[in-house]
N, C-alpha and C. Protein backbone atom coordinates (compact mmCIF):
# COMPACT_ATOMS: atom_id res chain seq x y z
N PHE A 1 17.31 15.41 18.90
CA PHE A 1 18.58 15.00 19.47
C PHE A 1 18.64 15.34 20.95
N GLN A 2 17.90 16.38 21.36
CA GLN A 2 17.88 16.72 22.78
C GLN A 2 17.21 15.60 23.57
N TRP A 3 16.21 14.95 22.97
CA TRP A 3 15.54 13.85 23.65
C TRP A 3 16.50 12.71 23.89
N LEU A 4 17.39 12.44 22.94
CA LEU A 4 18.36 11.35 23.11
C LEU A 4 19.40 11.70 24.16
N ARG A 5 19.74 12.99 24.28
CA ARG A 5 20.73 13.41 25.27
C ARG A 5 20.11 13.63 26.65
N ASN A 6 18.80 13.71 26.72
CA ASN A 6 18.11 13.96 27.98
C ASN A 6 18.32 12.77 28.93
N PRO A 7 18.68 13.04 30.19
CA PRO A 7 18.89 11.93 31.12
C PRO A 7 17.59 11.35 31.65
N GLY A 8 16.62 11.21 30.80
CA GLY A 8 15.33 10.68 31.21
C GLY A 8 15.35 9.16 31.23
N PRO A 9 14.16 8.57 31.09
CA PRO A 9 14.05 7.10 31.13
C PRO A 9 14.87 6.43 30.03
N GLN A 10 15.74 5.53 30.43
CA GLN A 10 16.59 4.82 29.47
C GLN A 10 15.81 3.76 28.70
N HIS A 11 14.70 3.29 29.27
CA HIS A 11 13.90 2.27 28.60
C HIS A 11 13.40 2.76 27.24
N GLU A 12 12.97 4.01 27.18
CA GLU A 12 12.45 4.56 25.92
C GLU A 12 13.55 4.64 24.87
N LYS A 13 14.76 4.99 25.27
CA LYS A 13 15.87 5.08 24.32
C LYS A 13 16.29 3.70 23.84
N ARG A 14 16.29 2.72 24.74
CA ARG A 14 16.62 1.35 24.34
C ARG A 14 15.58 0.82 23.37
N THR A 15 14.31 1.15 23.62
CA THR A 15 13.25 0.71 22.73
C THR A 15 13.42 1.33 21.34
N LEU A 16 13.73 2.62 21.30
CA LEU A 16 13.95 3.28 20.00
C LEU A 16 15.13 2.65 19.27
N PHE A 17 16.23 2.43 19.97
CA PHE A 17 17.40 1.82 19.34
C PHE A 17 17.09 0.41 18.85
N GLY A 18 16.40 -0.37 19.67
CA GLY A 18 16.02 -1.73 19.26
C GLY A 18 15.11 -1.74 18.04
N ASP A 19 14.15 -0.83 18.02
CA ASP A 19 13.25 -0.76 16.87
C ASP A 19 13.98 -0.32 15.60
N MET A 20 14.95 0.59 15.76
CA MET A 20 15.72 1.01 14.58
C MET A 20 16.56 -0.14 14.04
N VAL A 21 17.17 -0.92 14.92
CA VAL A 21 17.96 -2.07 14.48
C VAL A 21 17.06 -3.09 13.80
N CYS A 22 15.91 -3.37 14.41
CA CYS A 22 14.96 -4.31 13.79
C CYS A 22 14.50 -3.82 12.43
N PHE A 23 14.21 -2.52 12.33
CA PHE A 23 13.76 -1.96 11.06
C PHE A 23 14.85 -2.13 9.99
N LEU A 24 16.12 -1.90 10.36
CA LEU A 24 17.21 -2.02 9.38
C LEU A 24 17.43 -3.46 8.94
N PHE A 25 17.14 -4.43 9.82
CA PHE A 25 17.29 -5.83 9.42
C PHE A 25 16.04 -6.38 8.74
N ILE A 26 14.86 -6.01 9.24
CA ILE A 26 13.62 -6.61 8.74
C ILE A 26 13.25 -6.05 7.36
N THR A 27 13.55 -4.80 7.08
CA THR A 27 13.17 -4.22 5.80
C THR A 27 13.79 -4.96 4.61
N PRO A 28 15.12 -5.17 4.58
CA PRO A 28 15.66 -5.92 3.44
C PRO A 28 15.18 -7.38 3.42
N LEU A 29 15.03 -7.99 4.59
CA LEU A 29 14.56 -9.38 4.62
C LEU A 29 13.12 -9.49 4.11
N ALA A 30 12.27 -8.57 4.49
CA ALA A 30 10.88 -8.60 4.02
C ALA A 30 10.82 -8.35 2.51
N THR A 31 11.66 -7.44 2.04
CA THR A 31 11.68 -7.15 0.60
C THR A 31 12.14 -8.35 -0.20
N ILE A 32 13.23 -8.95 0.23
CA ILE A 32 13.75 -10.13 -0.49
C ILE A 32 12.77 -11.30 -0.41
N SER A 33 12.21 -11.52 0.78
CA SER A 33 11.25 -12.63 0.93
C SER A 33 10.02 -12.41 0.07
N GLY A 34 9.51 -11.19 0.05
CA GLY A 34 8.34 -10.90 -0.79
C GLY A 34 8.65 -11.09 -2.25
N TRP A 35 9.81 -10.63 -2.67
CA TRP A 35 10.19 -10.80 -4.09
C TRP A 35 10.32 -12.28 -4.44
N LEU A 36 10.95 -13.07 -3.55
CA LEU A 36 11.10 -14.51 -3.81
C LEU A 36 9.75 -15.21 -3.85
N CYS A 37 8.85 -14.84 -2.95
CA CYS A 37 7.52 -15.47 -2.95
C CYS A 37 6.76 -15.14 -4.24
N LEU A 38 6.82 -13.87 -4.64
CA LEU A 38 6.13 -13.51 -5.89
C LEU A 38 6.77 -14.15 -7.11
N ARG A 39 8.08 -14.23 -7.10
CA ARG A 39 8.78 -14.90 -8.22
C ARG A 39 8.40 -16.38 -8.28
N GLY A 40 8.33 -17.02 -7.11
CA GLY A 40 7.89 -18.41 -7.06
C GLY A 40 6.46 -18.57 -7.51
N ALA A 41 5.60 -17.62 -7.16
CA ALA A 41 4.20 -17.68 -7.58
C ALA A 41 4.08 -17.58 -9.09
N VAL A 42 4.88 -16.70 -9.70
CA VAL A 42 4.86 -16.56 -11.16
C VAL A 42 5.33 -17.86 -11.82
N ASP A 43 6.40 -18.45 -11.27
CA ASP A 43 6.90 -19.71 -11.83
C ASP A 43 5.86 -20.83 -11.70
N HIS A 44 5.19 -20.89 -10.56
CA HIS A 44 4.17 -21.93 -10.38
C HIS A 44 2.96 -21.70 -11.28
N LEU A 45 2.64 -20.46 -11.56
CA LEU A 45 1.53 -20.19 -12.47
C LEU A 45 1.84 -20.69 -13.88
N HIS A 46 3.10 -20.55 -14.29
CA HIS A 46 3.48 -20.94 -15.65
C HIS A 46 3.74 -22.43 -15.78
N PHE A 47 4.29 -23.06 -14.75
CA PHE A 47 4.78 -24.44 -14.93
C PHE A 47 4.01 -25.50 -14.14
N SER A 48 3.39 -25.16 -13.07
CA SER A 48 2.74 -26.21 -12.28
C SER A 48 1.42 -25.71 -11.69
N SER A 49 1.13 -26.10 -10.48
CA SER A 49 -0.21 -25.88 -9.92
C SER A 49 -0.48 -24.43 -9.54
N ARG A 50 -1.73 -24.06 -9.71
CA ARG A 50 -2.18 -22.72 -9.33
C ARG A 50 -2.36 -22.62 -7.81
N LEU A 51 -2.63 -23.73 -7.15
CA LEU A 51 -2.84 -23.71 -5.72
C LEU A 51 -1.57 -23.24 -4.98
N GLU A 52 -0.41 -23.71 -5.41
CA GLU A 52 0.85 -23.27 -4.80
C GLU A 52 1.11 -21.79 -5.09
N ALA A 53 0.75 -21.34 -6.28
CA ALA A 53 0.92 -19.93 -6.63
C ALA A 53 0.03 -19.05 -5.74
N VAL A 54 -1.20 -19.45 -5.54
CA VAL A 54 -2.11 -18.70 -4.68
C VAL A 54 -1.59 -18.69 -3.24
N GLY A 55 -1.06 -19.81 -2.79
CA GLY A 55 -0.48 -19.88 -1.45
C GLY A 55 0.70 -18.94 -1.29
N LEU A 56 1.57 -18.87 -2.30
CA LEU A 56 2.72 -17.96 -2.23
C LEU A 56 2.28 -16.50 -2.27
N ILE A 57 1.26 -16.20 -3.06
CA ILE A 57 0.74 -14.83 -3.10
C ILE A 57 0.12 -14.46 -1.74
N ALA A 58 -0.61 -15.39 -1.14
CA ALA A 58 -1.20 -15.15 0.18
C ALA A 58 -0.10 -14.96 1.23
N LEU A 59 0.97 -15.73 1.11
CA LEU A 59 2.10 -15.58 2.03
C LEU A 59 2.75 -14.21 1.88
N THR A 60 2.88 -13.74 0.65
CA THR A 60 3.45 -12.41 0.40
C THR A 60 2.57 -11.32 0.99
N VAL A 61 1.28 -11.43 0.79
CA VAL A 61 0.35 -10.43 1.33
C VAL A 61 0.41 -10.42 2.85
N ALA A 62 0.43 -11.60 3.46
CA ALA A 62 0.52 -11.68 4.92
C ALA A 62 1.83 -11.10 5.43
N LEU A 63 2.91 -11.39 4.75
CA LEU A 63 4.23 -10.88 5.14
C LEU A 63 4.25 -9.36 5.12
N PHE A 64 3.80 -8.77 4.05
CA PHE A 64 3.82 -7.31 3.95
C PHE A 64 2.79 -6.65 4.87
N THR A 65 1.67 -7.31 5.11
CA THR A 65 0.69 -6.77 6.04
C THR A 65 1.26 -6.71 7.45
N ILE A 66 1.91 -7.78 7.88
CA ILE A 66 2.53 -7.81 9.21
C ILE A 66 3.65 -6.78 9.29
N TYR A 67 4.46 -6.68 8.25
CA TYR A 67 5.57 -5.71 8.23
C TYR A 67 5.04 -4.28 8.33
N LEU A 68 4.04 -3.94 7.54
CA LEU A 68 3.47 -2.59 7.58
C LEU A 68 2.80 -2.30 8.91
N PHE A 69 2.11 -3.28 9.47
CA PHE A 69 1.47 -3.10 10.77
C PHE A 69 2.52 -2.82 11.84
N TRP A 70 3.59 -3.62 11.87
CA TRP A 70 4.65 -3.41 12.86
C TRP A 70 5.30 -2.04 12.68
N THR A 71 5.57 -1.65 11.45
CA THR A 71 6.20 -0.36 11.18
C THR A 71 5.31 0.78 11.65
N LEU A 72 4.05 0.75 11.32
CA LEU A 72 3.13 1.83 11.72
C LEU A 72 2.94 1.90 13.23
N VAL A 73 2.80 0.76 13.88
CA VAL A 73 2.63 0.76 15.33
C VAL A 73 3.88 1.28 16.02
N SER A 74 5.04 0.85 15.56
CA SER A 74 6.30 1.29 16.15
C SER A 74 6.50 2.79 15.94
N PHE A 75 6.24 3.26 14.73
CA PHE A 75 6.40 4.69 14.43
C PHE A 75 5.43 5.53 15.27
N ARG A 76 4.20 5.08 15.38
CA ARG A 76 3.21 5.81 16.17
C ARG A 76 3.60 5.85 17.64
N TYR A 77 4.11 4.76 18.16
CA TYR A 77 4.54 4.69 19.56
C TYR A 77 5.66 5.69 19.83
N HIS A 78 6.66 5.73 18.95
CA HIS A 78 7.79 6.64 19.16
C HIS A 78 7.38 8.10 18.95
N CYS A 79 6.47 8.37 18.05
CA CYS A 79 5.95 9.74 17.89
C CYS A 79 5.20 10.18 19.13
N ARG A 80 4.42 9.28 19.72
CA ARG A 80 3.69 9.60 20.94
C ARG A 80 4.65 9.89 22.09
N LEU A 81 5.70 9.06 22.22
CA LEU A 81 6.70 9.31 23.26
C LEU A 81 7.38 10.65 23.07
N TYR A 82 7.72 10.96 21.83
CA TYR A 82 8.38 12.23 21.54
C TYR A 82 7.47 13.41 21.86
N ASN A 83 6.20 13.33 21.50
CA ASN A 83 5.27 14.42 21.79
C ASN A 83 5.06 14.60 23.29
N GLU A 84 4.98 13.49 24.03
CA GLU A 84 4.87 13.60 25.49
C GLU A 84 6.12 14.26 26.07
N TRP A 85 7.28 13.86 25.58
CA TRP A 85 8.53 14.46 26.07
C TRP A 85 8.56 15.95 25.75
N ARG A 86 8.14 16.30 24.55
CA ARG A 86 8.18 17.70 24.13
C ARG A 86 7.25 18.56 24.98
N GLN A 87 6.12 18.02 25.39
CA GLN A 87 5.19 18.78 26.21
C GLN A 87 5.70 18.97 27.64
N THR A 88 6.45 18.02 28.15
CA THR A 88 6.90 18.11 29.54
C THR A 88 8.30 18.68 29.69
N ASN A 89 9.04 18.87 28.63
CA ASN A 89 10.41 19.36 28.71
C ASN A 89 10.61 20.60 27.86
N GLN A 90 9.87 21.63 28.18
CA GLN A 90 10.01 22.89 27.45
C GLN A 90 10.87 23.84 28.24
N ARG A 91 11.83 24.44 27.57
CA ARG A 91 12.67 25.45 28.19
C ARG A 91 12.51 26.73 27.38
N VAL A 92 12.08 27.78 28.04
CA VAL A 92 11.80 29.03 27.35
C VAL A 92 12.56 30.16 28.04
N ILE A 93 13.18 31.04 27.24
CA ILE A 93 13.84 32.24 27.75
C ILE A 93 13.06 33.43 27.23
N LEU A 94 12.70 34.32 28.11
CA LEU A 94 11.99 35.52 27.72
C LEU A 94 12.99 36.64 27.57
N LEU A 95 13.13 37.15 26.36
CA LEU A 95 14.03 38.27 26.11
C LEU A 95 13.30 39.58 26.36
N ILE A 96 13.91 40.44 27.12
CA ILE A 96 13.32 41.74 27.42
C ILE A 96 13.76 42.71 26.34
N PRO A 97 12.80 43.36 25.67
CA PRO A 97 13.19 44.30 24.61
C PRO A 97 13.87 45.52 25.21
N LYS A 98 14.74 46.11 24.42
CA LYS A 98 15.42 47.32 24.86
C LYS A 98 14.40 48.43 25.03
N SER A 99 14.52 49.15 26.13
CA SER A 99 13.59 50.25 26.33
C SER A 99 14.37 51.50 26.70
N ALA A 100 13.73 52.61 26.61
CA ALA A 100 14.38 53.90 26.90
C ALA A 100 14.59 54.08 28.40
N ASN A 101 13.88 53.33 29.24
CA ASN A 101 13.99 53.49 30.69
C ASN A 101 15.24 52.84 31.27
N ILE A 102 15.83 51.88 30.58
CA ILE A 102 16.98 51.16 31.10
C ILE A 102 18.25 51.82 30.57
N PRO A 103 19.22 52.14 31.43
CA PRO A 103 20.48 52.72 30.96
C PRO A 103 21.20 51.76 30.02
N SER A 104 22.03 52.30 29.14
CA SER A 104 22.67 51.50 28.11
C SER A 104 23.59 50.43 28.69
N ASN A 105 24.27 50.68 29.84
CA ASN A 105 25.15 49.66 30.40
C ASN A 105 24.35 48.47 30.93
N GLN A 106 23.13 48.69 31.45
CA GLN A 106 22.30 47.58 31.90
C GLN A 106 21.72 46.81 30.72
N GLN A 107 21.46 47.51 29.61
CA GLN A 107 20.99 46.83 28.41
C GLN A 107 22.05 45.87 27.91
N SER A 108 23.32 46.30 27.92
CA SER A 108 24.37 45.42 27.43
C SER A 108 24.55 44.22 28.36
N LEU A 109 24.37 44.41 29.66
CA LEU A 109 24.45 43.28 30.59
C LEU A 109 23.33 42.30 30.34
N LEU A 110 22.12 42.79 30.11
CA LEU A 110 21.00 41.90 29.79
C LEU A 110 21.27 41.12 28.51
N GLY A 111 21.85 41.79 27.54
CA GLY A 111 22.17 41.13 26.27
C GLY A 111 23.21 40.05 26.46
N LEU A 112 24.23 40.30 27.28
CA LEU A 112 25.26 39.29 27.53
C LEU A 112 24.70 38.10 28.30
N GLN A 113 23.82 38.36 29.23
CA GLN A 113 23.23 37.26 29.99
C GLN A 113 22.42 36.35 29.09
N SER A 114 21.70 36.93 28.15
CA SER A 114 20.89 36.09 27.27
C SER A 114 21.76 35.32 26.30
N LEU A 115 22.94 35.84 25.94
CA LEU A 115 23.83 35.11 25.04
C LEU A 115 24.52 33.96 25.73
N LYS A 116 24.71 34.04 27.04
CA LYS A 116 25.40 33.00 27.78
C LYS A 116 24.49 31.83 28.11
N ARG A 117 23.23 31.88 27.76
CA ARG A 117 22.29 30.80 28.06
C ARG A 117 22.68 29.54 27.30
N ASN A 118 22.22 28.46 27.82
CA ASN A 118 22.48 27.16 27.21
C ASN A 118 21.75 27.05 25.88
N SER A 119 22.34 26.39 24.90
CA SER A 119 21.75 26.28 23.57
C SER A 119 20.50 25.40 23.56
N LYS A 120 20.22 24.66 24.64
CA LYS A 120 19.04 23.82 24.71
C LYS A 120 17.77 24.63 24.93
N GLU A 121 17.92 25.87 25.34
CA GLU A 121 16.76 26.67 25.67
C GLU A 121 16.22 27.38 24.44
N THR A 122 14.93 27.56 24.40
CA THR A 122 14.26 28.22 23.29
C THR A 122 14.16 29.70 23.60
N ILE A 123 14.53 30.52 22.64
CA ILE A 123 14.46 31.97 22.80
C ILE A 123 13.15 32.46 22.23
N VAL A 124 12.41 33.21 23.03
CA VAL A 124 11.10 33.73 22.59
C VAL A 124 11.19 35.22 22.50
């Protein structure tokens, strides 16, 4: 979620949003189309020519192959973008352990400063 809120390149966010919308529309359409093609192939096997049944089965295989290829390529692209972002946008806070050399009032100030940090930062 930090990546989405990051004021970085808007092109990557638009691409992610567009791919999510396409995925939500294409998934049910591919499922219904594949089911209809297979149902038609079964009907053609029982009642008419086998050539049309084979054609419908080939169409179903091509449809799902293209759908799976697009899904995998899109997912891999967005994972790569996320990993690149994660490597270049690291925020780390180093907490100093309490020691006997620091007076107690300075220890409490250090503790308050670390609590006031932004929640986007990683505490180590």
